[in-house]
Amino acid sequence: MSEKKNEQKEDQAPDQKIDQKKDDDWDSVNQPEHNPEDDYEEASRSTADYASYEPPEKQRNPIWRKLLTTLIILVVIAGLGGGVYWYLKNHKSTKKPAQTTQTAQTTKPATSQIATATKHYDSSNFYLGFDYPQDWKVTDGGGGQMTVVSPSIQLKNATGQSVNGQVIMTIRSKEQKLPEFDGGNATAALISQKINYTKPSQNQRGSTYLSYLRYSSSSSSTALDGIYITGDSGYTVGQAIPKVDISKVDPIISIGFVKCGGSDCSGTNTPISVATNSYEDKAFSGPLESLLKSLSIQ
């Protein structure tokens, strides 16, 4: 009995398999087709915010980033270097005008005229007084000699050339030597001129001669070496003037000229001759005559 039932189950199994396959085939054939609109409706029901969607940023190449950083650093370094160069250049250039100004203030150019404004000086060594240009320097230390020296001035020498020099008035006692006569008698370079003293004392003559000497050591016929007060003695051009005539005047008062050894006359100064025609310039001769006229001898 059991064996018969098993045979029936075995006989039914193939038939059931066939029927199941038929059912699957039927489902696949009768399944509805895919509709795209269904996908659209499904997508419309999604909660994703597509309006705010942004595509992901593309990652930059790290090599270009390094090159850009290097370029910025080079530009900054170049700017700093240019600024330093500009500062040093302008800082240096601003110093130069300052040095030039200081040089101009400490080194005064030689003037071509003698100052007309005067100061008064009284000497207890020689018992006399006079008015002199205010920028001249008086040296009166005793010893039988005193000087009044001008600042640097442009002088015209015997050949007509302009030189940097000084004018010196010298006052000497009779006992002092006169080395300018060591070579012999002097000669009158110009005709003597008689002047009147401005404020003569009771013991002083009212007038005197000014004589213009050319020393024997001068070879130029146009040279003027010194201007002397010669008292009652006057000379014509070319006339000899001996030493003894000069020694009669007490004190011996003369004006001479020197060439400066440096721009400020601080070096060694040497005696020079000036041109005789330079005395025709009243801007030069006028203050010198005023100085000699102002002498007041006690």
Foldseek 3Di string as FASTA:
>chain_A
DVVVVVVVVVVCVVVVVVVVVVVVVVCVVPPDDDDVVVVVVVVVVDPDDPVPDDDDDDDDDVVVVVVVVVVVVVVVVVVVVVVVVVVVVVVVVVVVVVVVVVVCVVQPFAAAFAAPDWDKDADPQQQKIFIAGPQWDWDPPDPFKIKTKHWWHWFQFAVRDTATKIKMKMWGFLPDDDVLCVVHWWFFLAWKDKDAAPDEDPVDDGIFIKTFTDGPPDDRSFWTFKIWTQGPDTDHGGDTHGPVSQSVDGTTIMMGMWGAPDSRSPDDIGGGTGGNCVCVPCSHVVSVVNRVSHMYHD
